[in-house]
Amino acid sequence: MQGPDLLDPRTQCLPFTDPMAQLRRGVRGLRLASMPERERHYASGDVLDAYDGSLAELERLGAQVVPIDLPFALADIALLNLRIMAAESYVLLRDLVDDENAPLDPHVRARILPGRDLSASDYLEALNRRQHMQRTFSTAMDGIDAVLTPTTMTTAVPLEDVDESGSPAHYTRFVNYLDLTAVALPNGFAPDGLPTSLQIVCRGRDEATALRIGWAYQQATEWHLARPPVPASIPSPHAR
């Protein structure tokens, strides 16, 4: 993840840096942003409780938790991301997608197929808007070391309840879309025993800060050592 990647021309001028050098510096003095109030209603109560607990813990460790005024809602990214994803995926997978007899998950086909009818102008507009959003996000991050969000909107749901017509990636999609860096780590459990997670989002290629914050939080808590209860009906993988 550090230095140039021969398969990615965008990394050719990147120097190698050691993200571990400042790992144990703690978070005292860092300015960490909580997500905007309008983004909270996407998360379940259990996820929000764990998230708010994480903010309080990082404040106790000496970080300053501040608000951030994002210039766009995270949901605004979904349509643009889908447009780019569909266009680029269709170029690579059109033989498979256009073959109705091919063994392709219908939900996957439905996400890629719109790329067939997407115009070049729509695709380029999506790329241009992405660049604009990258610049405005960078401006909003001025003086802020990281943005903190839940990783997922809810804890894990039963497989039969998964709705593949939508996406559970509300809090994570923007990280990839804007070329940012993030680390996710355990931060609690819901009353039913399912784990929750904290996402620490930093500027692109700033792995050092993301890992530094994550390390400080993990050293101060024991969520990473806990295990959810396993129902008696689930056999052990070591059972004979």
Protein backbone atom coordinates (compact mmCIF):
# COMPACT_ATOMS: atom_id res chain seq x y z
CA MET A 1 0.00 0.00 0.00
CA GLN A 2 3.05 2.29 0.18
CA GLY A 3 5.18 3.65 -2.64
CA PRO A 4 4.70 3.16 -6.40
CA ASP A 5 2.67 0.29 -7.82
CA LEU A 6 3.86 -0.80 -11.25
CA LEU A 7 0.27 -1.67 -12.20
CA ASP A 8 -1.12 1.75 -11.22
CA PRO A 9 0.36 4.74 -13.10
CA ARG A 10 -1.22 7.16 -10.59
CA THR A 11 1.24 5.96 -7.95
CA GLN A 12 4.47 6.24 -9.93
CA CYS A 13 5.63 9.45 -8.22
CA LEU A 14 4.62 8.46 -4.71
CA PRO A 15 7.49 8.11 -2.24
CA PHE A 16 7.61 5.31 0.29
CA THR A 17 6.71 6.49 3.77
CA ASP A 18 6.60 4.49 6.98
CA PRO A 19 3.11 4.79 8.51
CA MET A 20 4.27 3.01 11.67
CA ALA A 21 6.66 5.73 12.84
CA GLN A 22 3.92 7.78 14.52
CA LEU A 23 1.64 4.86 15.42
CA ARG A 24 2.00 5.28 19.19
CA ARG A 25 1.83 9.08 19.39
CA GLY A 26 -1.75 9.06 20.67
CA VAL A 27 -4.54 11.43 19.69
CA ARG A 28 -3.97 14.33 22.08
CA GLY A 29 -4.23 17.56 20.10
CA LEU A 30 -5.82 15.99 17.02
CA ARG A 31 -9.05 17.50 15.68
CA LEU A 32 -11.53 14.77 14.81
CA ALA A 33 -14.83 15.59 13.10
CA SER A 34 -18.12 13.95 13.98
CA MET A 35 -20.45 13.30 11.07
CA PRO A 36 -23.07 15.96 10.27
CA GLU A 37 -26.36 15.68 12.15
CA ARG A 38 -28.23 14.94 8.89
CA GLU A 39 -26.25 11.72 8.46
CA ARG A 40 -27.18 10.27 11.85
CA HIS A 41 -30.70 9.13 10.95
CA TYR A 42 -29.31 6.53 8.54
CA ALA A 43 -27.85 4.56 11.45
CA SER A 44 -29.73 2.35 13.89
CA GLY A 45 -29.94 3.29 17.56
CA ASP A 46 -27.49 0.56 18.57
CA VAL A 47 -24.92 1.73 16.01
CA LEU A 48 -25.32 5.36 17.13
CA ASP A 49 -24.90 4.45 20.79
CA ALA A 50 -21.58 2.73 20.03
CA TYR A 51 -20.51 5.60 17.77
CA ASP A 52 -21.24 8.27 20.39
CA GLY A 53 -19.35 6.18 22.93
CA SER A 54 -16.33 6.15 20.62
CA LEU A 55 -16.43 9.93 20.27
CA ALA A 56 -16.49 10.31 24.05
CA GLU A 57 -13.58 7.89 24.46
CA LEU A 58 -11.41 9.75 21.94
CA GLU A 59 -12.21 13.03 23.70
CA ARG A 60 -11.15 11.42 26.97
CA LEU A 61 -7.85 10.50 25.30
CA GLY A 62 -7.21 14.15 24.46
CA ALA A 63 -8.61 14.58 20.95
CA GLN A 64 -10.87 17.52 20.14
CA VAL A 65 -14.13 16.38 18.53
CA VAL A 66 -15.50 19.09 16.27
CA PRO A 67 -18.40 19.36 13.79
CA ILE A 68 -17.82 19.37 10.04
CA ASP A 69 -20.02 21.00 7.43
CA LEU A 70 -19.79 18.68 4.45
CA PRO A 71 -20.69 20.43 1.17
CA PHE A 72 -22.86 17.49 0.09
CA ALA A 73 -24.92 14.70 1.61
CA LEU A 74 -23.37 11.24 1.52
CA ALA A 75 -26.46 9.97 -0.30
CA ASP A 76 -25.67 12.35 -3.19
CA ILE A 77 -22.70 10.17 -4.03
CA ALA A 78 -24.76 7.06 -4.73
CA LEU A 79 -26.08 8.01 -8.17
CA LEU A 80 -22.76 9.37 -9.43
CA ASN A 81 -20.90 6.35 -8.11
CA LEU A 82 -23.36 3.99 -9.80
CA ARG A 83 -22.99 5.86 -13.08
CA ILE A 84 -19.20 5.53 -13.05
CA MET A 85 -19.27 1.94 -11.81
CA ALA A 86 -21.80 0.82 -14.41
CA ALA A 87 -19.97 2.45 -17.32
CA GLU A 88 -16.56 1.06 -16.43
CA SER A 89 -17.85 -2.37 -15.39
CA TYR A 90 -19.83 -2.79 -18.59
CA VAL A 91 -16.73 -2.16 -20.70
CA LEU A 92 -14.96 -4.99 -18.91
CA LEU A 93 -17.86 -7.41 -18.49
CA ARG A 94 -20.23 -6.76 -21.38
CA ASP A 95 -19.85 -10.22 -22.91
CA LEU A 96 -20.92 -11.75 -19.62
CA VAL A 97 -23.63 -9.20 -18.84
CA ASP A 98 -25.25 -9.38 -22.28
CA ASP A 99 -25.37 -13.18 -22.20
CA GLU A 100 -28.61 -13.99 -20.37
CA ASN A 101 -27.51 -17.62 -20.06
CA ALA A 102 -24.26 -16.71 -18.32
CA PRO A 103 -24.13 -17.72 -14.63
CA LEU A 104 -24.20 -14.16 -13.32
CA ASP A 105 -26.12 -13.06 -10.23
CA PRO A 106 -29.18 -11.11 -11.45
CA HIS A 107 -28.56 -8.35 -8.91
CA VAL A 108 -25.02 -7.90 -10.21
CA ARG A 109 -26.28 -7.85 -13.81
CA ALA A 110 -28.86 -5.20 -12.91
CA ARG A 111 -26.17 -2.95 -11.44
CA ILE A 112 -23.89 -3.18 -14.49
CA LEU A 113 -26.42 -3.26 -17.35
CA PRO A 114 -27.22 0.51 -17.21
CA GLY A 115 -23.66 1.09 -18.37
CA ARG A 116 -24.66 -0.15 -21.81
CA ASP A 117 -26.91 2.85 -22.43
CA LEU A 118 -24.89 5.47 -20.59
CA SER A 119 -23.68 8.26 -22.88
CA ALA A 120 -20.11 9.48 -22.95
CA SER A 121 -21.25 12.93 -21.82
CA ASP A 122 -23.05 11.47 -18.78
CA TYR A 123 -19.97 9.47 -17.86
CA LEU A 124 -17.61 12.42 -18.24
CA GLU A 125 -19.98 14.66 -16.29
CA ALA A 126 -19.92 12.15 -13.42
CA LEU A 127 -16.12 12.17 -13.45
CA ASN A 128 -16.05 15.98 -13.45
CA ARG A 129 -18.51 16.18 -10.57
CA ARG A 130 -16.41 13.68 -8.66
CA GLN A 131 -13.34 15.90 -9.04
CA HIS A 132 -15.36 18.91 -7.86
CA MET A 133 -16.57 16.97 -4.81
CA GLN A 134 -12.99 15.94 -4.03
CA ARG A 135 -11.94 19.59 -3.98
CA THR A 136 -14.85 20.74 -1.84
CA PHE A 137 -14.32 17.90 0.62
CA SER A 138 -10.65 18.83 0.91
CA THR A 139 -11.67 22.39 1.74
CA ALA A 140 -14.14 21.18 4.38
CA MET A 141 -11.33 19.10 5.94
CA ASP A 142 -9.11 22.15 6.47
CA GLY A 143 -7.78 21.96 10.03
CA ILE A 144 -9.34 18.53 10.63
CA ASP A 145 -7.27 15.36 10.96
CA ALA A 146 -10.03 12.78 10.45
CA VAL A 147 -13.78 12.33 10.07
CA LEU A 148 -15.43 9.71 12.26
CA THR A 149 -18.52 7.76 11.17
CA PRO A 150 -20.07 4.38 11.84
CA THR A 151 -18.84 1.78 9.37
CA THR A 152 -22.29 0.36 8.65
CA MET A 153 -25.82 1.63 9.17
CA THR A 154 -26.88 -1.44 11.16
CA THR A 155 -25.38 -4.55 12.61
CA ALA A 156 -25.40 -7.67 10.43
CA VAL A 157 -28.80 -8.77 9.15
CA PRO A 158 -29.95 -12.33 8.40
CA LEU A 159 -29.12 -13.42 4.87
CA GLU A 160 -32.79 -13.76 3.94
CA ASP A 161 -33.36 -10.11 4.91
CA VAL A 162 -30.67 -8.70 2.62
CA ASP A 163 -32.13 -6.28 0.04
CA GLU A 164 -29.80 -6.25 -2.96
CA SER A 165 -31.78 -3.53 -4.71
CA GLY A 166 -30.02 -1.05 -2.45
CA SER A 167 -26.62 -0.75 -0.81
CA PRO A 168 -25.60 -0.82 2.84
CA ALA A 169 -22.48 1.23 2.01
CA HIS A 170 -23.87 4.65 2.99
CA TYR A 171 -20.94 5.50 5.28
CA THR A 172 -18.17 3.79 3.31
CA ARG A 173 -18.95 4.57 -0.32
CA PHE A 174 -17.71 8.16 -0.14
CA VAL A 175 -14.27 7.02 1.06
CA ASN A 176 -13.57 5.12 -2.15
CA TYR A 177 -15.37 7.65 -4.32
CA LEU A 178 -13.24 10.56 -3.08
CA ASP A 179 -9.95 8.60 -2.93
CA LEU A 180 -9.69 8.87 0.84
CA THR A 181 -8.09 6.59 3.41
CA ALA A 182 -10.01 4.82 6.17
CA VAL A 183 -9.65 2.19 8.85
CA ALA A 184 -12.53 0.39 10.57
CA LEU A 185 -12.33 -1.26 13.96
CA PRO A 186 -14.66 -2.80 16.57
CA ASN A 187 -16.33 -0.33 18.90
CA GLY A 188 -19.09 -2.22 20.71
CA PHE A 189 -21.94 -4.70 20.65
CA ALA A 190 -25.67 -4.32 20.20
CA PRO A 191 -27.90 -5.87 22.89
CA ASP A 192 -28.36 -8.97 20.70
CA GLY A 193 -24.60 -9.59 20.71
CA LEU A 194 -23.83 -8.41 17.16
CA PRO A 195 -20.73 -6.21 16.82
CA THR A 196 -20.62 -2.57 15.74
CA SER A 197 -17.74 -0.71 14.10
CA LEU A 198 -16.13 2.74 13.98
CA GLN A 199 -14.75 4.17 10.73
CA ILE A 200 -11.85 6.63 10.82
CA VAL A 201 -11.58 8.59 7.56
CA CYS A 202 -8.45 10.56 6.66
CA ARG A 203 -7.11 12.29 3.57
CA GLY A 204 -5.97 10.16 0.68
CA ARG A 205 -2.78 8.19 1.37
CA ASP A 206 -2.69 9.35 5.00
CA GLU A 207 -2.57 5.83 6.39
CA ALA A 208 -0.27 7.03 9.17
CA THR A 209 -2.93 9.23 10.80
CA ALA A 210 -5.73 6.69 10.35
CA LEU A 211 -3.65 3.94 11.96
CA ARG A 212 -2.47 6.29 14.73
CA ILE A 213 -6.05 7.14 15.73
CA GLY A 214 -7.16 3.53 15.44
CA TRP A 215 -4.25 2.31 17.54
CA ALA A 216 -4.95 4.84 20.30
CA TYR A 217 -8.61 3.88 20.43
CA GLN A 218 -7.89 0.16 20.40
CA GLN A 219 -5.30 0.45 23.17
CA ALA A 220 -7.84 2.24 25.36
CA THR A 221 -10.68 -0.23 24.78
CA GLU A 222 -11.14 -3.99 24.66
CA TRP A 223 -13.75 -4.36 21.92
CA HIS A 224 -11.18 -6.01 19.64
CA LEU A 225 -10.68 -8.74 22.23
CA ALA A 226 -14.37 -9.54 22.70
CA ARG A 227 -16.25 -12.16 20.72
CA PRO A 228 -19.97 -12.27 19.99
CA PRO A 229 -21.85 -15.16 21.57
CA VAL A 230 -22.25 -18.16 19.27
CA PRO A 231 -25.75 -19.71 19.39
CA ALA A 232 -25.79 -23.31 20.53
CA SER A 233 -27.44 -24.32 17.24
CA ILE A 234 -24.30 -23.40 15.27
CA PRO A 235 -21.83 -26.31 15.31
CA SER A 236 -18.21 -25.64 16.09
CA PRO A 237 -15.92 -25.72 13.01
CA HIS A 238 -13.82 -28.22 14.97
CA ALA A 239 -16.74 -30.56 15.62
CA ARG A 240 -16.36 -34.04 14.21
